[in-house]
Amino acid sequence: MHTITIEDIAEALGISKTTVSRALSGKGRISEATKEKVRKYAAEHDYQPNVMARGLAQRRTYNIAVVTPDDNETTALAFFHRCLVGIISGTEEHGYDVLITAERGNRVNELERIVRNGKADGVILARTFIDDKRIGYLTENNIPCVVIGSSQVEGVVSIDNDNVGGSREMTERLIKRGVKKPALFGGSSEHFVTAQRLEGFDSALRENGLEIDEDLLFMDMHDKKVLEDAIATALAAGADCLLCMDDDIAERTLKICKAKDVLIPGQVSVASFYDSPVLEQTAPAISAVRYDGQSLGRKAAETLIKMIDGVGVSDIPMEGFEIRLRESTR
């Protein structure tokens, strides 16, 4: 089947290719009657613009780069997959494609290659660090950038879940159910979301007349042995709830407790500040805070495209979350 081109339209209507191009783009001085004639013919013959040619003319690639964490845990992959689904749905409506690369720590190597080779018009960072070198690199090179999460860099646009509010609400719900001595197990202390969830936890304790116990705060719980030792320390100190900052830590905490014959929720409760399908399927199912990762990704993509088009944008907090109390909490 022949794909109609600008040349075909020009020949059929007896006008120049420049006139056709101006009529379709809406740019340049051309009569409304000619615009209408060209657009009607294009619609009737299912004309589709050449995205590559349009990109060259506008000095755009019509690609957006998405930098995802280099995580192997199934739970982490589930969240970023939902974000990607949202990003793709937000970009395809505007004729953009998504270029995916994985971060390997807080470094700029992957981004330097993308920027140097002119492969993308803008970048979405799917996770942020406290002192994020990638954000600095992108701002220095005037690359449109949106971060999923938060940033301390002034002027950087962020699309973020209410991690402080969700963590505070979950902690408060558990306190009202009788929890008096919670222990907190967190992820990387370099990640911004860790600081946000700690803030929510601390706020809930103070608002309910409880003091934070520094001996029951355990960060950087990546290693199995480190987490096992932290759980043993918390239980020995009389912790009545093991609060985990994410779904991966929560799932591993449950496995460790079951291996040690610790009854949940009989002896201690377990809950997570982030939910995933995995936590619904554990035995017992783990209480968690549910966010909409797909909407988060879509909003990030739509915001970045506005920036690329020169539209002013600002931070967008995604306020919705849902507390899901399940069998793991009393």
Protein backbone atom coordinates (compact mmCIF):
# COMPACT_ATOMS: atom_id res chain seq x y z
CA MET A 1 0.00 0.00 0.00
CA HIS A 2 1.39 3.39 -1.03
CA THR A 3 2.04 5.84 1.82
CA ILE A 4 1.03 9.33 0.81
CA THR A 5 3.72 12.01 1.06
CA ILE A 6 3.88 15.80 1.00
CA GLU A 7 4.99 15.52 -2.64
CA ASP A 8 1.84 13.54 -3.49
CA ILE A 9 -0.40 16.13 -1.86
CA ALA A 10 1.37 18.98 -3.65
CA GLU A 11 1.04 17.26 -7.03
CA ALA A 12 -2.62 16.39 -6.50
CA LEU A 13 -3.57 19.94 -5.49
CA GLY A 14 -1.27 21.74 -7.92
CA ILE A 15 0.63 23.65 -5.24
CA SER A 16 4.21 23.65 -3.97
CA LYS A 17 5.61 21.29 -1.34
CA THR A 18 6.46 24.32 0.79
CA THR A 19 2.82 25.42 0.76
CA VAL A 20 1.69 21.92 1.79
CA SER A 21 4.25 21.83 4.60
CA ARG A 22 3.15 25.24 5.88
CA ALA A 23 -0.51 24.28 5.72
CA LEU A 24 0.08 21.10 7.74
CA SER A 25 2.31 22.74 10.33
CA GLY A 26 0.26 25.91 10.65
CA LYS A 27 3.39 28.02 10.23
CA GLY A 28 4.04 30.66 7.59
CA ARG A 29 1.76 33.01 5.71
CA ILE A 30 -0.86 31.03 3.84
CA SER A 31 -4.59 31.55 3.27
CA GLU A 32 -7.13 29.76 5.45
CA ALA A 33 -8.76 28.37 2.31
CA THR A 34 -5.51 26.71 1.22
CA LYS A 35 -4.90 25.35 4.72
CA GLU A 36 -8.36 23.84 4.79
CA LYS A 37 -7.95 22.31 1.33
CA VAL A 38 -4.60 20.71 2.19
CA ARG A 39 -5.72 19.39 5.57
CA LYS A 40 -8.92 17.94 4.14
CA TYR A 41 -7.01 16.12 1.40
CA ALA A 42 -4.44 14.84 3.93
CA ALA A 43 -7.18 13.52 6.24
CA GLU A 44 -9.10 11.85 3.41
CA HIS A 45 -5.96 10.04 2.24
CA ASP A 46 -4.70 9.13 5.74
CA TYR A 47 -1.51 11.19 5.52
CA GLN A 48 0.96 10.40 8.33
CA PRO A 49 3.89 12.79 8.88
CA ASN A 50 7.41 11.42 8.69
CA VAL A 51 8.55 11.62 12.32
CA MET A 52 12.23 11.33 11.40
CA ALA A 53 12.01 14.17 8.89
CA ARG A 54 10.02 16.27 11.36
CA GLY A 55 12.64 15.61 14.02
CA LEU A 56 15.47 16.71 11.72
CA ALA A 57 13.61 19.86 10.78
CA GLN A 58 12.92 20.73 14.42
CA ARG A 59 16.27 19.41 15.67
CA ARG A 60 14.51 16.79 17.76
CA THR A 61 14.96 13.05 18.10
CA TYR A 62 11.43 12.43 19.44
CA ASN A 63 13.06 10.13 21.98
CA ILE A 64 12.87 10.41 25.77
CA ALA A 65 15.52 8.67 27.86
CA VAL A 66 14.40 6.93 31.05
CA VAL A 67 17.09 6.03 33.59
CA THR A 68 15.91 3.13 35.75
CA PRO A 69 17.72 1.60 38.74
CA ASP A 70 19.92 -1.42 38.12
CA ASP A 71 17.96 -3.50 40.67
CA ASN A 72 17.49 -7.25 40.44
CA GLU A 73 14.86 -7.66 43.14
CA THR A 74 11.45 -8.69 41.79
CA THR A 75 9.73 -6.20 44.07
CA ALA A 76 11.76 -3.23 42.85
CA LEU A 77 11.29 -4.26 39.23
CA ALA A 78 7.51 -4.33 39.71
CA PHE A 79 7.37 -0.66 40.71
CA PHE A 80 9.60 0.57 37.90
CA HIS A 81 7.73 -1.56 35.39
CA ARG A 82 4.49 0.18 36.38
CA CYS A 83 6.21 3.55 36.04
CA LEU A 84 7.44 2.60 32.57
CA VAL A 85 3.95 1.56 31.48
CA GLY A 86 2.75 5.01 32.51
CA ILE A 87 5.67 6.76 30.81
CA ILE A 88 5.07 4.94 27.54
CA SER A 89 1.34 5.74 27.58
CA GLY A 90 2.21 9.40 28.17
CA THR A 91 4.80 9.60 25.38
CA GLU A 92 3.15 7.65 22.57
CA GLU A 93 0.25 10.08 22.38
CA HIS A 94 2.76 12.81 21.47
CA GLY A 95 4.74 10.77 18.95
CA TYR A 96 7.70 10.07 21.24
CA ASP A 97 9.57 6.82 21.81
CA VAL A 98 11.25 5.73 25.05
CA LEU A 99 14.94 4.90 25.34
CA ILE A 100 15.68 2.92 28.51
CA THR A 101 19.04 2.74 30.29
CA ALA A 102 19.95 1.37 33.72
CA GLU A 103 21.75 3.33 36.43
CA ARG A 104 24.73 1.67 38.06
CA GLY A 105 25.00 3.80 41.14
CA ASN A 106 25.18 7.58 41.41
CA ARG A 107 27.23 8.24 38.27
CA VAL A 108 26.78 9.92 34.87
CA ASN A 109 28.42 7.46 32.47
CA GLU A 110 25.21 6.23 30.86
CA LEU A 111 23.77 9.72 30.52
CA GLU A 112 26.98 11.14 29.05
CA ARG A 113 26.79 8.64 26.21
CA ILE A 114 23.13 9.44 25.49
CA VAL A 115 23.69 13.21 25.58
CA ARG A 116 26.95 13.10 23.62
CA ASN A 117 25.32 11.09 20.84
CA GLY A 118 22.22 13.29 20.77
CA LYS A 119 19.88 10.36 21.33
CA ALA A 120 17.14 12.02 23.39
CA ASP A 121 15.35 15.35 23.80
CA GLY A 122 14.89 14.97 27.55
CA VAL A 123 15.46 12.61 30.47
CA ILE A 124 13.34 11.05 33.22
CA LEU A 125 15.26 9.83 36.28
CA ALA A 126 13.23 7.06 37.91
CA ARG A 127 15.02 7.33 41.26
CA THR A 128 17.02 10.10 42.93
CA PHE A 129 20.04 10.21 45.23
CA ILE A 130 20.63 12.68 48.08
CA ASP A 131 23.55 14.25 46.17
CA ASP A 132 22.61 13.26 42.61
CA LYS A 133 25.47 13.67 40.13
CA ARG A 134 23.18 12.94 37.19
CA ILE A 135 20.92 15.89 37.97
CA GLY A 136 23.94 18.16 38.13
CA TYR A 137 25.17 16.89 34.76
CA LEU A 138 21.78 17.38 33.08
CA THR A 139 21.25 20.90 34.43
CA GLU A 140 24.78 21.95 33.47
CA ASN A 141 24.12 20.78 29.92
CA ASN A 142 20.62 22.32 29.72
CA ILE A 143 18.93 18.96 29.11
CA PRO A 144 15.20 18.97 30.01
CA CYS A 145 14.83 16.67 33.00
CA VAL A 146 12.07 15.38 35.27
CA VAL A 147 12.75 13.23 38.31
CA ILE A 148 10.41 10.64 39.77
CA GLY A 149 11.04 11.33 43.41
CA SER A 150 12.42 14.50 45.01
CA SER A 151 15.52 16.60 44.58
CA GLN A 152 17.41 19.18 46.59
CA VAL A 153 18.47 20.96 43.39
CA GLU A 154 16.58 24.20 42.86
CA GLY A 155 14.68 24.37 39.58
CA VAL A 156 14.62 20.62 38.94
CA VAL A 157 11.05 19.44 38.34
CA SER A 158 9.95 16.44 40.39
CA ILE A 159 6.90 14.18 40.22
CA ASP A 160 6.67 12.43 43.55
CA ASN A 161 4.45 10.22 45.67
CA ASP A 162 3.55 11.54 49.11
CA ASN A 163 6.10 9.28 50.78
CA VAL A 164 6.13 11.38 53.94
CA GLY A 165 2.33 11.33 54.25
CA GLY A 166 1.99 7.63 53.44
CA SER A 167 4.66 6.59 55.95
CA ARG A 168 3.19 8.85 58.62
CA GLU A 169 -0.34 7.52 58.05
CA MET A 170 0.72 3.86 58.17
CA THR A 171 2.76 4.42 61.36
CA GLU A 172 -0.12 6.28 63.00
CA ARG A 173 -2.64 3.56 62.08
CA LEU A 174 -0.43 0.94 63.71
CA ILE A 175 0.10 3.07 66.84
CA LYS A 176 -3.67 3.40 67.21
CA ARG A 177 -3.87 -0.40 66.93
CA GLY A 178 -1.57 -0.74 69.94
CA VAL A 179 2.00 -0.58 68.58
CA LYS A 180 4.24 1.13 71.16
CA LYS A 181 7.78 0.20 70.19
CA PRO A 182 8.27 -0.01 66.40
CA ALA A 183 11.59 -0.77 64.74
CA LEU A 184 12.31 0.70 61.30
CA PHE A 185 14.27 -1.04 58.53
CA GLY A 186 15.31 1.17 55.61
CA GLY A 187 16.96 0.97 52.23
CA SER A 188 19.94 2.92 50.96
CA SER A 189 20.70 6.03 53.00
CA GLU A 190 21.83 7.65 49.71
CA HIS A 191 18.30 7.58 48.27
CA PHE A 192 16.01 10.56 48.76
CA VAL A 193 12.95 8.37 49.35
CA THR A 194 14.64 6.85 52.42
CA ALA A 195 14.88 10.28 54.06
CA GLN A 196 11.23 11.00 53.19
CA ARG A 197 9.93 7.79 54.73
CA LEU A 198 12.04 8.33 57.86
CA GLU A 199 10.52 11.81 58.16
CA GLY A 200 6.99 10.39 58.00
CA PHE A 201 7.80 7.72 60.59
CA ASP A 202 9.38 10.26 62.97
CA SER A 203 6.46 12.68 62.55
CA ALA A 204 3.86 9.99 63.43
CA LEU A 205 5.75 9.00 66.57
CA ARG A 206 6.06 12.56 67.83
CA GLU A 207 2.43 13.43 67.03
CA ASN A 208 1.35 10.44 69.12
CA GLY A 209 3.57 11.15 72.11
CA LEU A 210 6.29 8.60 71.32
CA GLU A 211 10.01 9.30 71.05
CA ILE A 212 12.07 7.83 68.24
CA ASP A 213 14.50 5.15 69.50
CA GLU A 214 17.76 5.50 67.56
CA ASP A 215 18.70 1.94 68.58
CA LEU A 216 15.69 0.67 66.62
CA LEU A 217 16.56 2.45 63.36
CA PHE A 218 18.35 0.25 60.83
CA MET A 219 19.33 1.66 57.41
CA ASP A 220 21.03 0.12 54.34
CA MET A 221 19.39 -3.27 54.83
CA HIS A 222 20.63 -4.84 51.58
CA ASP A 223 22.66 -7.76 52.87
CA LYS A 224 20.80 -10.81 54.22
CA LYS A 225 23.09 -11.25 57.24
CA VAL A 226 22.88 -7.54 58.12
CA LEU A 227 19.08 -7.69 58.04
CA GLU A 228 19.03 -10.91 60.10
CA ASP A 229 21.21 -9.28 62.78
CA ALA A 230 19.09 -6.12 62.78
CA ILE A 231 15.87 -8.11 63.25
CA ALA A 232 17.43 -10.10 66.10
CA THR A 233 18.55 -6.85 67.78
CA ALA A 234 15.09 -5.30 67.40
CA LEU A 235 13.29 -8.34 68.83
CA ALA A 236 15.72 -8.59 71.73
CA ALA A 237 15.01 -4.92 72.53
CA GLY A 238 11.28 -5.63 72.71
CA ALA A 239 10.12 -4.19 69.35
CA ASP A 240 6.45 -5.00 68.77
CA CYS A 241 6.37 -4.01 65.08
CA LEU A 242 8.93 -4.32 62.28
CA LEU A 243 8.23 -1.44 59.89
CA CYS A 244 9.97 -1.77 56.53
CA MET A 245 10.56 1.09 54.12
CA ASP A 246 9.85 -0.95 51.00
CA ASP A 247 8.34 -4.18 49.76
CA ASP A 248 11.65 -5.98 49.20
CA ILE A 249 12.77 -5.45 52.81
CA ALA A 250 9.31 -6.44 54.06
CA GLU A 251 9.28 -9.70 52.11
CA ARG A 252 12.78 -10.62 53.30
CA THR A 253 11.90 -9.68 56.89
CA LEU A 254 8.90 -12.02 56.80
CA LYS A 255 11.05 -14.90 55.48
CA ILE A 256 13.69 -14.36 58.16
CA CYS A 257 11.09 -14.28 60.94
CA LYS A 258 9.42 -17.45 59.70
CA ALA A 259 12.80 -19.21 59.51
CA LYS A 260 13.41 -18.21 63.15
CA ASP A 261 9.90 -19.38 64.16
CA VAL A 262 8.85 -15.84 65.06
CA LEU A 263 5.06 -15.70 64.90
CA ILE A 264 3.54 -12.91 62.78
CA PRO A 265 1.46 -11.18 63.99
CA GLY A 266 1.40 -13.24 67.19
CA GLN A 267 4.77 -12.07 68.49
CA VAL A 268 5.46 -9.08 66.27
CA SER A 269 3.72 -7.20 63.45
CA VAL A 270 5.29 -6.52 60.04
CA ALA A 271 4.31 -3.69 57.66
CA SER A 272 5.73 -1.88 54.63
CA PHE A 273 5.78 1.77 53.53
CA TYR A 274 5.46 0.60 49.93
CA ASP A 275 3.12 -2.03 48.50
CA SER A 276 3.47 -4.47 45.60
CA PRO A 277 1.57 -7.55 44.37
CA VAL A 278 4.17 -9.72 46.10
CA LEU A 279 3.05 -8.53 49.54
CA GLU A 280 -0.53 -9.60 48.87
CA GLN A 281 0.63 -13.15 48.21
CA THR A 282 2.85 -13.74 51.22
CA ALA A 283 1.61 -15.79 54.17
CA PRO A 284 0.51 -13.83 56.06
CA ALA A 285 -0.18 -11.02 53.61
CA ILE A 286 1.75 -7.87 54.61
CA SER A 287 0.12 -4.53 55.43
CA ALA A 288 1.43 -1.78 53.16
CA VAL A 289 0.97 1.69 51.64
CA ARG A 290 -0.34 1.50 48.04
CA TYR A 291 0.64 4.16 45.46
CA ASP A 292 -0.25 4.41 41.76
CA GLY A 293 3.10 3.97 39.96
CA GLN A 294 1.51 4.04 36.51
CA SER A 295 -0.05 7.47 37.04
CA LEU A 296 3.28 8.68 38.42
CA GLY A 297 5.10 7.61 35.23
CA ARG A 298 2.47 9.08 32.92
CA LYS A 299 2.54 12.45 34.67
CA ALA A 300 6.35 12.50 34.48
CA ALA A 301 6.26 11.89 30.72
CA GLU A 302 3.59 14.50 30.05
CA THR A 303 5.46 17.07 32.15
CA LEU A 304 8.78 16.42 30.38
CA ILE A 305 7.18 16.83 26.94
CA LYS A 306 5.78 20.20 28.03
CA MET A 307 9.29 21.24 29.07
CA ILE A 308 10.68 20.15 25.71
CA ASP A 309 7.97 22.26 24.03
CA GLY A 310 9.01 25.27 26.10
CA VAL A 311 6.02 25.27 28.44
CA GLY A 312 6.68 26.33 32.02
CA VAL A 313 6.06 23.57 34.58
CA SER A 314 6.49 23.05 38.32
CA ASP A 315 6.74 20.20 40.81
CA ILE A 316 3.71 17.91 40.94
CA PRO A 317 3.01 16.04 44.18
CA MET A 318 0.93 12.88 43.66
CA GLU A 319 -1.17 13.06 46.80
CA GLY A 320 -3.18 9.84 46.61
CA PHE A 321 -2.24 6.72 48.56
CA GLU A 322 -4.12 3.90 50.25
CA ILE A 323 -3.34 2.16 53.54
CA ARG A 324 -3.90 -1.58 53.12
CA LEU A 325 -4.02 -3.37 56.47
CA ARG A 326 -3.61 -7.12 56.07
CA GLU A 327 -2.97 -10.20 58.22
CA SER A 328 0.63 -9.27 59.20
CA THR A 329 -0.53 -6.57 61.63
CA ARG A 330 -2.65 -7.03 64.74
